[in-house]
Each structure stands twice: as C-alpha cells, then as structure tokens.
Amino acid sequence: MSVRVFIDGAVGTTGLEIRDRLAGRSEIELLVLAEADRKDAAKREEALNATDFVILCLPDDAARDAVAMIVNPNVRVIDASTAHRVAPDWVYGFAELEPGQLGAIAEATRVSNPGCYPTGFLALVRPLIRAGLVPHDYPLSVNAVSGYSGGGKSMIAEFEDAGAPGYTQTAFRNYGLGLAHKHVPEMQKHARIVHPPIFQPAVVHTYRGMLVEVPLPLHAFTRRPSIEALENALRDAYKDCPLVRVLPGDGATVTIEEDAGTDRLSLRVFGNAETGQARLVATLDNLGKGAAGAAVQNLNIMAGFDPVAGLVL
C-alpha cells in the first residue's frame, strides 16, 4: 500500500533533505507543486487537503497558517517547525523518548517534530530524571554547537557566500545570549523538569553536525549516582532503539562531525569518580536525527512502515 505525501516548504534545507530520504521509495508518492504554484494560496490549500500526510517545513507562523488551511479530517500532519512542540493537542515526535511514545505517534493525526538541540538534551537527561538519578528540580545547563546548515539558507550564505550580508569567516559564534531561546520551553516540558535549563548554543564553521553537552555535579545531588549508573540507565532506555546508540565514555575527544551524514544519535557519559562530576555528551546530525531524519522516522511510524526505512544508520 502506498501513501501520498506533500512537503510544504520542500525547497528549504530540511524539506530538501526529507525529499532525498523519500526519493525512490515505491510505497511513497510525493505530491509536488509546480514552481509557479508554490506561492499560490489556492493551489497550496488544495495540495494540503489532497494527500495522506503533510510535512511542514516552514517558519512557525506559516506552519500555523498551513494547519488552519487543512480541513480534510483524513490528512495527518508532521510539523518540523517550533510552532507546536509544546502544544497539548500535538504528539511530540521523539519516538525513543518515553515508553509508549512510538505507539502514540503511530496513532496521532498531529505530530510535532523535535528540535535538533532538544533532541540531544532530552535524550541525555530524560531517562536519568525518569530513573531518579538526576533530580527533576536541579537547575540544569546545556552547552551545544551546531553546523551552520541549522540556520537555513540565510545562515548557509553567511558562511559560504562572500557577497552575502553578514558573511563571516569565524570558526565559532555563540548566540541566544538573552537566555530566551525558543527551544527552552520544549526542553523544559519534555524533560519534565522544574526549571528552564540554561541553554548556551553556538554555531561553528562546519556545514552539518551537532554536539550537545550537559554537565552534572553528581556530588551536589542527595542521591549521588555513579558514572556507571548513569550509563546503565541510558543503555537500558535505548536498548531496543536502532537509531540511538550509547557508547563508552572512554575516549579523549568527541567531534561534532561524528554522526554527520547519518540519522542516528550517539550518547556518552564521561565522569570523574573522585570529583563526583560528569559530562553527558550527545552527537547527531542537525539535519538528520535533528530534523529531516526525525520527520521521515515519524512518517514511517504513522504510515505503518519500518521506522528506519530510508534512513542512514
């Protein structure tokens, strides 16, 4: 059985990546608007209502407008924007995050794709909070760096086109210094923590890849968990998850490019038993498990296909 899929915003960075992953799959028929029709509201509305699945790769306001245009009750939606990630009537599309989450996605009509940074943060901390190893009321912080493709076409131009406004040759640029990044509510809600984490994002001079790190002062916790306990909790949480791997924290370095070009997510726990400190580290592709790969995984689950069909493990 085949399903029809319309990607609204298919010419953007995430949309193009999704199309690449769906190309050539006989069970999927892509509904594609002609170039002249992409900005025709009537044509878009017709496409949004004439398909089985819609994947939204749009700015937040445009994503909300697109959802409002869908009147066909049989159309199921995956939104890759930030617009619905904390909405109570949308299912959060991180299949590995909670027991039963995959089943909830399979039955959902509205699924919100996770953000790239939250994917790394939540994968690291949620199982530890659920296991009682990290207090849910501890003020967490998260440091993260992303390849510049995460900023879309305008940021790609800033790093690649010498004639573009804002062109830069910098190797590292931090941002979100106002501590009000739009990913923070998503991190707080789905980690189920009391306080919003202190989020310290940055972009670096590589096209794709992401490294997310959460420091933990275990000595400050009433229940002082061991490094081994943290790693075991992560291994148990993801033992049946083909896209998530827990690796030994025994290397000297971890690079941002480690999972670039794949749709997987790698987790590690580094620690010092003497000081009672730990560093949780996640690597992923900001365009893979952090965006397009996650959208395709959610589509597969909702359509009843192999969850990893078309993905790079």
C-alpha atoms as a PDB file:
ATOM      1  CA  MET A   1       0.000   0.000   0.000  1.00  0.00           C
ATOM      2  CA  SER A   2       1.333   3.443  -0.886  1.00  0.00           C
ATOM      3  CA  VAL A   3       0.672   6.783   0.790  1.00  0.00           C
ATOM      4  CA  ARG A   4       0.661  10.280  -0.666  1.00  0.00           C
ATOM      5  CA  VAL A   5       2.919  12.858   0.978  1.00  0.00           C
ATOM      6  CA  PHE A   6       3.040  16.622   0.441  1.00  0.00           C
ATOM      7  CA  ILE A   7       6.043  18.532   1.792  1.00  0.00           C
ATOM      8  CA  ASP A   8       5.045  22.149   2.303  1.00  0.00           C
ATOM      9  CA  GLY A   9       8.334  24.011   2.159  1.00  0.00           C
ATOM     10  CA  ALA A  10      10.106  21.358   0.114  1.00  0.00           C
ATOM     11  CA  VAL A  11      12.678  23.792  -1.302  1.00  0.00           C
ATOM     12  CA  GLY A  12      14.135  24.703   2.113  1.00  0.00           C
ATOM     13  CA  THR A  13      17.086  22.943   3.709  1.00  0.00           C
ATOM     14  CA  THR A  14      15.021  20.492   5.779  1.00  0.00           C
ATOM     15  CA  GLY A  15      12.466  19.939   3.024  1.00  0.00           C
ATOM     16  CA  LEU A  16      15.144  19.025   0.511  1.00  0.00           C
ATOM     17  CA  GLU A  17      16.705  16.586   2.965  1.00  0.00           C
ATOM     18  CA  ILE A  18      13.327  14.922   3.520  1.00  0.00           C
ATOM     19  CA  ARG A  19      12.772  14.620  -0.227  1.00  0.00           C
ATOM     20  CA  ASP A  20      16.163  12.957  -0.591  1.00  0.00           C
ATOM     21  CA  ARG A  21      15.249  10.352   2.023  1.00  0.00           C
ATOM     22  CA  LEU A  22      11.865   9.639   0.423  1.00  0.00           C
ATOM     23  CA  ALA A  23      13.093   9.558  -3.167  1.00  0.00           C
ATOM     24  CA  GLY A  24      12.787   6.196  -4.855  1.00  0.00           C
ATOM     25  CA  ARG A  25      10.577   4.613  -2.192  1.00  0.00           C
ATOM     26  CA  SER A  26       7.796   2.757  -4.026  1.00  0.00           C
ATOM     27  CA  GLU A  27       5.434   2.930  -1.053  1.00  0.00           C
ATOM     28  CA  ILE A  28       5.501   6.742  -1.058  1.00  0.00           C
ATOM     29  CA  GLU A  29       4.037   9.035  -3.694  1.00  0.00           C
ATOM     30  CA  LEU A  30       5.254  12.617  -3.392  1.00  0.00           C
ATOM     31  CA  LEU A  31       2.796  15.331  -4.309  1.00  0.00           C
ATOM     32  CA  VAL A  32       4.892  18.172  -5.750  1.00  0.00           C
ATOM     33  CA  LEU A  33       3.610  21.595  -6.727  1.00  0.00           C
ATOM     34  CA  ALA A  34       4.959  23.231  -9.857  1.00  0.00           C
ATOM     35  CA  GLU A  35       7.269  26.176  -9.234  1.00  0.00           C
ATOM     36  CA  ALA A  36       4.593  28.612 -10.379  1.00  0.00           C
ATOM     37  CA  ASP A  37       2.057  27.137  -7.929  1.00  0.00           C
ATOM     38  CA  ARG A  38       4.149  27.106  -4.740  1.00  0.00           C
ATOM     39  CA  LYS A  39       3.060  30.607  -3.704  1.00  0.00           C
ATOM     40  CA  ASP A  40      -0.497  30.260  -4.984  1.00  0.00           C
ATOM     41  CA  ALA A  41      -2.623  30.021  -1.822  1.00  0.00           C
ATOM     42  CA  ALA A  42      -5.436  28.140  -3.539  1.00  0.00           C
ATOM     43  CA  LYS A  43      -3.061  25.584  -5.053  1.00  0.00           C
ATOM     44  CA  ARG A  44      -1.323  25.087  -1.702  1.00  0.00           C
ATOM     45  CA  GLU A  45      -4.627  24.648   0.107  1.00  0.00           C
ATOM     46  CA  GLU A  46      -5.713  22.102  -2.476  1.00  0.00           C
ATOM     47  CA  ALA A  47      -2.467  20.153  -2.038  1.00  0.00           C
ATOM     48  CA  LEU A  48      -2.677  20.306   1.758  1.00  0.00           C
ATOM     49  CA  ASN A  49      -6.095  18.642   1.623  1.00  0.00           C
ATOM     50  CA  ALA A  50      -5.443  16.151  -1.177  1.00  0.00           C
ATOM     51  CA  THR A  51      -2.878  13.934   0.487  1.00  0.00           C
ATOM     52  CA  ASP A  52      -2.485  11.382   3.276  1.00  0.00           C
ATOM     53  CA  PHE A  53       0.408  13.102   5.039  1.00  0.00           C
ATOM     54  CA  VAL A  54       1.625  16.681   5.118  1.00  0.00           C
ATOM     55  CA  ILE A  55       5.126  17.516   6.331  1.00  0.00           C
ATOM     56  CA  LEU A  56       5.527  21.196   7.184  1.00  0.00           C
ATOM     57  CA  CYS A  57       8.997  22.697   6.689  1.00  0.00           C
ATOM     58  CA  LEU A  58       8.008  26.299   7.274  1.00  0.00           C
ATOM     59  CA  PRO A  59       8.579  29.207   9.681  1.00  0.00           C
ATOM     60  CA  ASP A  60       6.383  28.993  12.764  1.00  0.00           C
ATOM     61  CA  ASP A  61       3.649  31.422  11.705  1.00  0.00           C
ATOM     62  CA  ALA A  62       3.439  29.897   8.235  1.00  0.00           C
ATOM     63  CA  ALA A  63       3.156  26.429   9.785  1.00  0.00           C
ATOM     64  CA  ARG A  64       0.226  27.560  11.923  1.00  0.00           C
ATOM     65  CA  ASP A  65      -1.432  29.068   8.853  1.00  0.00           C
ATOM     66  CA  ALA A  66      -0.935  25.835   6.914  1.00  0.00           C
ATOM     67  CA  VAL A  67      -2.534  23.761   9.671  1.00  0.00           C
ATOM     68  CA  ALA A  68      -5.524  26.115   9.673  1.00  0.00           C
ATOM     69  CA  MET A  69      -5.925  25.501   5.928  1.00  0.00           C
ATOM     70  CA  ILE A  70      -6.309  21.747   6.393  1.00  0.00           C
ATOM     71  CA  VAL A  71      -9.989  20.846   6.579  1.00  0.00           C
ATOM     72  CA  ASN A  72      -9.777  17.244   5.367  1.00  0.00           C
ATOM     73  CA  PRO A  73     -10.029  15.109   8.559  1.00  0.00           C
ATOM     74  CA  ASN A  74      -8.057  12.305   6.922  1.00  0.00           C
ATOM     75  CA  VAL A  75      -4.903  14.390   6.464  1.00  0.00           C
ATOM     76  CA  ARG A  76      -2.215  13.712   9.073  1.00  0.00           C
ATOM     77  CA  VAL A  77       0.440  16.325   9.775  1.00  0.00           C
ATOM     78  CA  ILE A  78       4.103  16.320  10.820  1.00  0.00           C
ATOM     79  CA  ASP A  79       5.310  19.815  11.680  1.00  0.00           C
ATOM     80  CA  ALA A  80       9.081  20.379  11.566  1.00  0.00           C
ATOM     81  CA  SER A  81       8.781  23.940  12.908  1.00  0.00           C
ATOM     82  CA  THR A  82       8.786  25.076  16.537  1.00  0.00           C
ATOM     83  CA  ALA A  83       5.127  26.082  16.368  1.00  0.00           C
ATOM     84  CA  HIS A  84       3.521  23.041  18.042  1.00  0.00           C
ATOM     85  CA  ARG A  85       6.268  21.431  20.136  1.00  0.00           C
ATOM     86  CA  VAL A  86       4.653  22.293  23.453  1.00  0.00           C
ATOM     87  CA  ALA A  87       1.046  22.307  22.234  1.00  0.00           C
ATOM     88  CA  PRO A  88      -1.118  19.971  24.357  1.00  0.00           C
ATOM     89  CA  ASP A  89      -3.076  18.608  21.389  1.00  0.00           C
ATOM     90  CA  TRP A  90       0.017  17.601  19.413  1.00  0.00           C
ATOM     91  CA  VAL A  91       2.060  14.433  19.958  1.00  0.00           C
ATOM     92  CA  TYR A  92       5.765  15.030  20.460  1.00  0.00           C
ATOM     93  CA  GLY A  93       7.586  13.168  17.694  1.00  0.00           C
ATOM     94  CA  PHE A  94      10.540  11.725  19.589  1.00  0.00           C
ATOM     95  CA  ALA A  95       9.793   8.012  19.391  1.00  0.00           C
ATOM     96  CA  GLU A  96      12.565   6.918  21.757  1.00  0.00           C
ATOM     97  CA  LEU A  97      11.918   9.476  24.490  1.00  0.00           C
ATOM     98  CA  GLU A  98       9.295   7.711  26.610  1.00  0.00           C
ATOM     99  CA  PRO A  99       7.879   4.187  26.868  1.00  0.00           C
ATOM    100  CA  GLY A 100       4.792   4.196  24.666  1.00  0.00           C
ATOM    101  CA  GLN A 101       5.841   7.265  22.668  1.00  0.00           C
ATOM    102  CA  LEU A 102       6.198   5.309  19.430  1.00  0.00           C
ATOM    103  CA  GLY A 103       2.665   3.973  19.837  1.00  0.00           C
ATOM    104  CA  ALA A 104       1.318   7.467  20.470  1.00  0.00           C
ATOM    105  CA  ILE A 105       2.990   8.718  17.282  1.00  0.00           C
ATOM    106  CA  ALA A 106       1.579   5.786  15.299  1.00  0.00           C
ATOM    107  CA  GLU A 107      -1.974   6.756  16.254  1.00  0.00           C
ATOM    108  CA  ALA A 108      -1.590  10.534  16.043  1.00  0.00           C
ATOM    109  CA  THR A 109      -3.038  12.885  13.448  1.00  0.00           C
ATOM    110  CA  ARG A 110      -0.806  15.804  14.524  1.00  0.00           C
ATOM    111  CA  VAL A 111       2.886  15.230  15.332  1.00  0.00           C
ATOM    112  CA  SER A 112       5.435  17.899  16.158  1.00  0.00           C
ATOM    113  CA  ASN A 113       8.995  17.088  15.110  1.00  0.00           C
ATOM    114  CA  PRO A 114      11.548  17.713  17.906  1.00  0.00           C
ATOM    115  CA  GLY A 115      14.139  20.448  17.641  1.00  0.00           C
ATOM    116  CA  CYS A 116      17.754  19.498  16.936  1.00  0.00           C
ATOM    117  CA  TYR A 117      19.211  20.840  20.183  1.00  0.00           C
ATOM    118  CA  PRO A 118      16.353  19.462  22.328  1.00  0.00           C
ATOM    119  CA  THR A 119      16.855  16.027  20.749  1.00  0.00           C
ATOM    120  CA  GLY A 120      20.374  15.802  22.184  1.00  0.00           C
ATOM    121  CA  PHE A 121      19.442  17.344  25.537  1.00  0.00           C
ATOM    122  CA  LEU A 122      16.322  15.267  26.096  1.00  0.00           C
ATOM    123  CA  ALA A 123      17.947  12.014  25.012  1.00  0.00           C
ATOM    124  CA  LEU A 124      20.631  12.550  27.645  1.00  0.00           C
ATOM    125  CA  VAL A 125      18.629  13.794  30.616  1.00  0.00           C
ATOM    126  CA  ARG A 126      15.077  12.418  30.374  1.00  0.00           C
ATOM    127  CA  PRO A 127      15.971   8.765  31.143  1.00  0.00           C
ATOM    128  CA  LEU A 128      18.104   9.882  34.097  1.00  0.00           C
ATOM    129  CA  ILE A 129      15.315  12.031  35.524  1.00  0.00           C
ATOM    130  CA  ARG A 130      12.808   9.246  34.965  1.00  0.00           C
ATOM    131  CA  ALA A 131      15.127   6.838  36.853  1.00  0.00           C
ATOM    132  CA  GLY A 132      15.556   9.291  39.735  1.00  0.00           C
ATOM    133  CA  LEU A 133      19.309   9.652  39.131  1.00  0.00           C
ATOM    134  CA  VAL A 134      19.083  13.365  38.342  1.00  0.00           C
ATOM    135  CA  PRO A 135      16.698  15.480  40.447  1.00  0.00           C
ATOM    136  CA  HIS A 136      13.867  16.960  38.413  1.00  0.00           C
ATOM    137  CA  ASP A 137      14.272  20.244  40.278  1.00  0.00           C
ATOM    138  CA  TYR A 138      18.017  20.643  39.725  1.00  0.00           C
ATOM    139  CA  PRO A 139      18.956  23.740  37.622  1.00  0.00           C
ATOM    140  CA  LEU A 140      20.496  22.080  34.581  1.00  0.00           C
ATOM    141  CA  SER A 141      22.591  23.723  31.884  1.00  0.00           C
ATOM    142  CA  VAL A 142      23.248  22.605  28.324  1.00  0.00           C
ATOM    143  CA  ASN A 143      26.086  23.635  26.015  1.00  0.00           C
ATOM    144  CA  ALA A 144      25.669  22.902  22.318  1.00  0.00           C
ATOM    145  CA  VAL A 145      27.266  23.616  18.955  1.00  0.00           C
ATOM    146  CA  SER A 146      25.706  23.094  15.528  1.00  0.00           C
ATOM    147  CA  GLY A 147      26.795  23.152  11.930  1.00  0.00           C
ATOM    148  CA  TYR A 148      25.681  26.302  10.143  1.00  0.00           C
ATOM    149  CA  SER A 149      23.128  24.493   7.971  1.00  0.00           C
ATOM    150  CA  GLY A 150      20.873  24.591  11.030  1.00  0.00           C
ATOM    151  CA  GLY A 151      20.245  28.258  10.321  1.00  0.00           C
ATOM    152  CA  GLY A 152      18.781  27.599   6.881  1.00  0.00           C
ATOM    153  CA  LYS A 153      19.604  29.269   3.597  1.00  0.00           C
ATOM    154  CA  SER A 154      20.416  32.696   5.052  1.00  0.00           C
ATOM    155  CA  MET A 155      22.977  31.351   7.508  1.00  0.00           C
ATOM    156  CA  ILE A 156      24.440  28.996   4.907  1.00  0.00           C
ATOM    157  CA  ALA A 157      25.035  32.065   2.742  1.00  0.00           C
ATOM    158  CA  GLU A 158      26.689  33.889   5.643  1.00  0.00           C
ATOM    159  CA  PHE A 159      29.272  31.122   5.897  1.00  0.00           C
ATOM    160  CA  GLU A 160      29.669  30.259   2.208  1.00  0.00           C
ATOM    161  CA  ASP A 161      28.938  33.339   0.074  1.00  0.00           C
ATOM    162  CA  ALA A 162      31.470  36.159   0.351  1.00  0.00           C
ATOM    163  CA  GLY A 163      28.929  38.529  -1.204  1.00  0.00           C
ATOM    164  CA  ALA A 164      26.127  37.770   1.243  1.00  0.00           C
ATOM    165  CA  PRO A 165      25.048  40.173   4.001  1.00  0.00           C
ATOM    166  CA  GLY A 166      26.671  39.119   7.254  1.00  0.00           C
ATOM    167  CA  TYR A 167      29.332  36.998   5.543  1.00  0.00           C
ATOM    168  CA  THR A 168      31.721  35.620   8.129  1.00  0.00           C
ATOM    169  CA  GLN A 169      34.862  33.535   8.299  1.00  0.00           C
ATOM    170  CA  THR A 170      34.578  32.956  12.025  1.00  0.00           C
ATOM    171  CA  ALA A 171      35.145  29.459  13.363  1.00  0.00           C
ATOM    172  CA  PHE A 172      32.798  29.794  16.358  1.00  0.00           C
ATOM    173  CA  ARG A 173      29.869  32.088  17.094  1.00  0.00           C
ATOM    174  CA  ASN A 174      27.698  31.878  20.196  1.00  0.00           C
ATOM    175  CA  TYR A 175      24.181  33.281  20.328  1.00  0.00           C
ATOM    176  CA  GLY A 176      20.998  33.101  22.392  1.00  0.00           C
ATOM    177  CA  LEU A 177      22.693  35.363  24.923  1.00  0.00           C
ATOM    178  CA  GLY A 178      19.356  36.757  26.065  1.00  0.00           C
ATOM    179  CA  LEU A 179      18.557  33.338  27.575  1.00  0.00           C
ATOM    180  CA  ALA A 180      15.193  33.172  25.838  1.00  0.00           C
ATOM    181  CA  HIS A 181      15.898  30.729  23.005  1.00  0.00           C
ATOM    182  CA  LYS A 182      12.746  29.251  21.502  1.00  0.00           C
ATOM    183  CA  HIS A 183      13.936  25.679  22.220  1.00  0.00           C
ATOM    184  CA  VAL A 184      13.988  26.180  26.008  1.00  0.00           C
ATOM    185  CA  PRO A 185      10.227  25.626  26.658  1.00  0.00           C
ATOM    186  CA  GLU A 186      10.441  22.401  24.631  1.00  0.00           C
ATOM    187  CA  MET A 187      13.431  21.202  26.659  1.00  0.00           C
ATOM    188  CA  GLN A 188      11.775  22.012  29.977  1.00  0.00           C
ATOM    189  CA  LYS A 189       8.397  20.477  29.166  1.00  0.00           C
ATOM    190  CA  HIS A 190       9.581  17.199  27.693  1.00  0.00           C
ATOM    191  CA  ALA A 191      12.415  16.660  30.184  1.00  0.00           C
ATOM    192  CA  ARG A 192       9.743  17.229  32.878  1.00  0.00           C
ATOM    193  CA  ILE A 193      11.988  19.500  34.910  1.00  0.00           C
ATOM    194  CA  VAL A 194      11.042  22.355  37.231  1.00  0.00           C
ATOM    195  CA  HIS A 195      13.448  24.991  35.941  1.00  0.00           C
ATOM    196  CA  PRO A 196      14.222  26.014  32.367  1.00  0.00           C
ATOM    197  CA  PRO A 197      17.773  24.879  31.570  1.00  0.00           C
ATOM    198  CA  ILE A 198      20.468  27.474  30.957  1.00  0.00           C
ATOM    199  CA  PHE A 199      20.938  26.974  27.234  1.00  0.00           C
ATOM    200  CA  GLN A 200      24.242  28.003  25.629  1.00  0.00           C
ATOM    201  CA  PRO A 201      24.037  27.424  21.849  1.00  0.00           C
ATOM    202  CA  ALA A 202      26.695  28.189  19.242  1.00  0.00           C
ATOM    203  CA  VAL A 203      27.251  27.725  15.536  1.00  0.00           C
ATOM    204  CA  VAL A 204      30.603  26.589  14.126  1.00  0.00           C
ATOM    205  CA  HIS A 205      32.208  26.606  10.696  1.00  0.00           C
ATOM    206  CA  THR A 206      31.126  23.161   9.532  1.00  0.00           C
ATOM    207  CA  TYR A 207      28.092  22.516   7.331  1.00  0.00           C
ATOM    208  CA  ARG A 208      26.406  19.800   9.369  1.00  0.00           C
ATOM    209  CA  GLY A 209      26.744  18.011  12.677  1.00  0.00           C
ATOM    210  CA  MET A 210      25.876  18.768  16.286  1.00  0.00           C
ATOM    211  CA  LEU A 211      27.380  18.219  19.728  1.00  0.00           C
ATOM    212  CA  VAL A 212      25.256  18.691  22.851  1.00  0.00           C
ATOM    213  CA  GLU A 213      26.682  18.509  26.370  1.00  0.00           C
ATOM    214  CA  VAL A 214      25.106  18.547  29.837  1.00  0.00           C
ATOM    215  CA  PRO A 215      27.460  18.894  32.848  1.00  0.00           C
ATOM    216  CA  LEU A 216      26.372  17.222  36.075  1.00  0.00           C
ATOM    217  CA  PRO A 217      27.835  17.882  39.553  1.00  0.00           C
ATOM    218  CA  LEU A 218      26.898  14.486  40.963  1.00  0.00           C
ATOM    219  CA  HIS A 219      28.459  15.367  44.312  1.00  0.00           C
ATOM    220  CA  ALA A 220      25.729  18.009  44.746  1.00  0.00           C
ATOM    221  CA  PHE A 221      22.888  15.505  44.442  1.00  0.00           C
ATOM    222  CA  THR A 222      21.342  13.965  47.552  1.00  0.00           C
ATOM    223  CA  ARG A 223      21.432  10.627  45.792  1.00  0.00           C
ATOM    224  CA  ARG A 224      24.953  10.636  44.382  1.00  0.00           C
ATOM    225  CA  PRO A 225      24.740   8.288  41.386  1.00  0.00           C
ATOM    226  CA  SER A 226      27.822   6.620  39.975  1.00  0.00           C
ATOM    227  CA  ILE A 227      29.059   7.181  36.447  1.00  0.00           C
ATOM    228  CA  GLU A 228      28.234   3.534  35.769  1.00  0.00           C
ATOM    229  CA  ALA A 229      24.651   4.020  36.972  1.00  0.00           C
ATOM    230  CA  LEU A 230      24.150   6.919  34.564  1.00  0.00           C
ATOM    231  CA  GLU A 231      25.488   4.949  31.608  1.00  0.00           C
ATOM    232  CA  ASN A 232      23.477   1.855  32.527  1.00  0.00           C
ATOM    233  CA  ALA A 233      20.278   3.927  32.715  1.00  0.00           C
ATOM    234  CA  LEU A 234      20.879   5.276  29.223  1.00  0.00           C
ATOM    235  CA  ARG A 235      21.709   1.822  27.858  1.00  0.00           C
ATOM    236  CA  ASP A 236      18.532   0.402  29.362  1.00  0.00           C
ATOM    237  CA  ALA A 237      16.409   3.257  27.993  1.00  0.00           C
ATOM    238  CA  TYR A 238      17.656   2.820  24.429  1.00  0.00           C
ATOM    239  CA  LYS A 239      18.438  -0.891  24.275  1.00  0.00           C
ATOM    240  CA  ASP A 240      15.836  -1.549  21.561  1.00  0.00           C
ATOM    241  CA  CYS A 241      16.317   1.687  19.596  1.00  0.00           C
ATOM    242  CA  PRO A 242      18.162   1.233  16.277  1.00  0.00           C
ATOM    243  CA  LEU A 243      18.789   4.955  15.804  1.00  0.00           C
ATOM    244  CA  VAL A 244      20.186   5.629  19.286  1.00  0.00           C
ATOM    245  CA  ARG A 245      23.451   4.159  20.497  1.00  0.00           C
ATOM    246  CA  VAL A 246      25.138   4.520  23.885  1.00  0.00           C
ATOM    247  CA  LEU A 247      28.909   4.416  23.533  1.00  0.00           C
ATOM    248  CA  PRO A 248      31.589   4.041  26.219  1.00  0.00           C
ATOM    249  CA  GLY A 249      32.825   7.304  27.658  1.00  0.00           C
ATOM    250  CA  ASP A 250      36.451   6.295  27.379  1.00  0.00           C
ATOM    251  CA  GLY A 251      37.726   8.452  24.520  1.00  0.00           C
ATOM    252  CA  ALA A 252      39.899  11.526  24.759  1.00  0.00           C
ATOM    253  CA  THR A 253      37.774  13.598  22.364  1.00  0.00           C
ATOM    254  CA  VAL A 254      34.365  13.713  20.697  1.00  0.00           C
ATOM    255  CA  THR A 255      33.910  15.566  17.403  1.00  0.00           C
ATOM    256  CA  ILE A 256      30.903  17.437  16.079  1.00  0.00           C
ATOM    257  CA  GLU A 257      31.164  15.585  12.765  1.00  0.00           C
ATOM    258  CA  GLU A 258      30.882  12.102  14.298  1.00  0.00           C
ATOM    259  CA  ASP A 259      27.290  11.456  13.238  1.00  0.00           C
ATOM    260  CA  ALA A 260      27.119  13.947  10.359  1.00  0.00           C
ATOM    261  CA  GLY A 261      25.565  12.408   7.283  1.00  0.00           C
ATOM    262  CA  THR A 262      23.560   9.882   9.310  1.00  0.00           C
ATOM    263  CA  ASP A 263      20.168   9.765  11.031  1.00  0.00           C
ATOM    264  CA  ARG A 264      21.473   8.264  14.265  1.00  0.00           C
ATOM    265  CA  LEU A 265      22.111   9.723  17.712  1.00  0.00           C
ATOM    266  CA  SER A 266      25.136   8.790  19.856  1.00  0.00           C
ATOM    267  CA  LEU A 267      25.264   9.258  23.631  1.00  0.00           C
ATOM    268  CA  ARG A 268      28.195   9.073  26.041  1.00  0.00           C
ATOM    269  CA  VAL A 269      28.800   9.568  29.762  1.00  0.00           C
ATOM    270  CA  PHE A 270      32.188  10.883  30.874  1.00  0.00           C
ATOM    271  CA  GLY A 271      32.988  11.257  34.530  1.00  0.00           C
ATOM    272  CA  ASN A 272      35.459  11.548  37.357  1.00  0.00           C
ATOM    273  CA  ALA A 273      34.579   9.401  40.365  1.00  0.00           C
ATOM    274  CA  GLU A 274      36.953  11.315  42.634  1.00  0.00           C
ATOM    275  CA  THR A 275      35.447  14.735  41.958  1.00  0.00           C
ATOM    276  CA  GLY A 276      31.897  13.464  41.541  1.00  0.00           C
ATOM    277  CA  GLN A 277      31.476  15.248  38.216  1.00  0.00           C
ATOM    278  CA  ALA A 278      30.061  14.009  34.932  1.00  0.00           C
ATOM    279  CA  ARG A 279      29.676  15.262  31.365  1.00  0.00           C
ATOM    280  CA  LEU A 280      26.839  13.861  29.262  1.00  0.00           C
ATOM    281  CA  VAL A 281      27.588  14.193  25.546  1.00  0.00           C
ATOM    282  CA  ALA A 282      25.327  13.649  22.530  1.00  0.00           C
ATOM    283  CA  THR A 283      26.287  13.831  18.869  1.00  0.00           C
ATOM    284  CA  LEU A 284      23.869  13.882  15.951  1.00  0.00           C
ATOM    285  CA  ASP A 285      23.360  15.430  12.538  1.00  0.00           C
ATOM    286  CA  ASN A 286      21.366  18.638  12.904  1.00  0.00           C
ATOM    287  CA  LEU A 287      19.728  17.842   9.548  1.00  0.00           C
ATOM    288  CA  GLY A 288      19.383  14.110  10.283  1.00  0.00           C
ATOM    289  CA  LYS A 289      18.021  12.955  13.634  1.00  0.00           C
ATOM    290  CA  GLY A 290      17.769  16.655  14.428  1.00  0.00           C
ATOM    291  CA  ALA A 291      15.367  17.453  11.567  1.00  0.00           C
ATOM    292  CA  ALA A 292      14.728  15.561   8.316  1.00  0.00           C
ATOM    293  CA  GLY A 293      15.658  12.113   9.591  1.00  0.00           C
ATOM    294  CA  ALA A 294      13.280  12.503  12.532  1.00  0.00           C
ATOM    295  CA  ALA A 295      10.470  13.644  10.222  1.00  0.00           C
ATOM    296  CA  VAL A 296      10.918  10.609   7.980  1.00  0.00           C
ATOM    297  CA  GLN A 297      11.069   8.328  11.029  1.00  0.00           C
ATOM    298  CA  ASN A 298       7.771   9.803  12.247  1.00  0.00           C
ATOM    299  CA  LEU A 299       6.222   9.405   8.797  1.00  0.00           C
ATOM    300  CA  ASN A 300       7.302   5.764   8.727  1.00  0.00           C
ATOM    301  CA  ILE A 301       5.770   5.127  12.149  1.00  0.00           C
ATOM    302  CA  MET A 302       2.496   6.872  11.330  1.00  0.00           C
ATOM    303  CA  ALA A 303       2.157   5.068   7.984  1.00  0.00           C
ATOM    304  CA  GLY A 304       2.934   1.649   9.455  1.00  0.00           C
ATOM    305  CA  PHE A 305       6.247   1.234   7.629  1.00  0.00           C
ATOM    306  CA  ASP A 306       9.582   0.097   9.042  1.00  0.00           C
ATOM    307  CA  PRO A 307      10.522   3.018  11.333  1.00  0.00           C
ATOM    308  CA  VAL A 308      14.032   3.248   9.873  1.00  0.00           C
ATOM    309  CA  ALA A 309      13.110   2.859   6.176  1.00  0.00           C
ATOM    310  CA  GLY A 310      15.056   5.336   4.080  1.00  0.00           C
ATOM    311  CA  LEU A 311      17.311   6.369   6.957  1.00  0.00           C
ATOM    312  CA  VAL A 312      21.065   6.122   7.345  1.00  0.00           C
ATOM    313  CA  LEU A 313      22.101   4.175  10.436  1.00  0.00           C
END
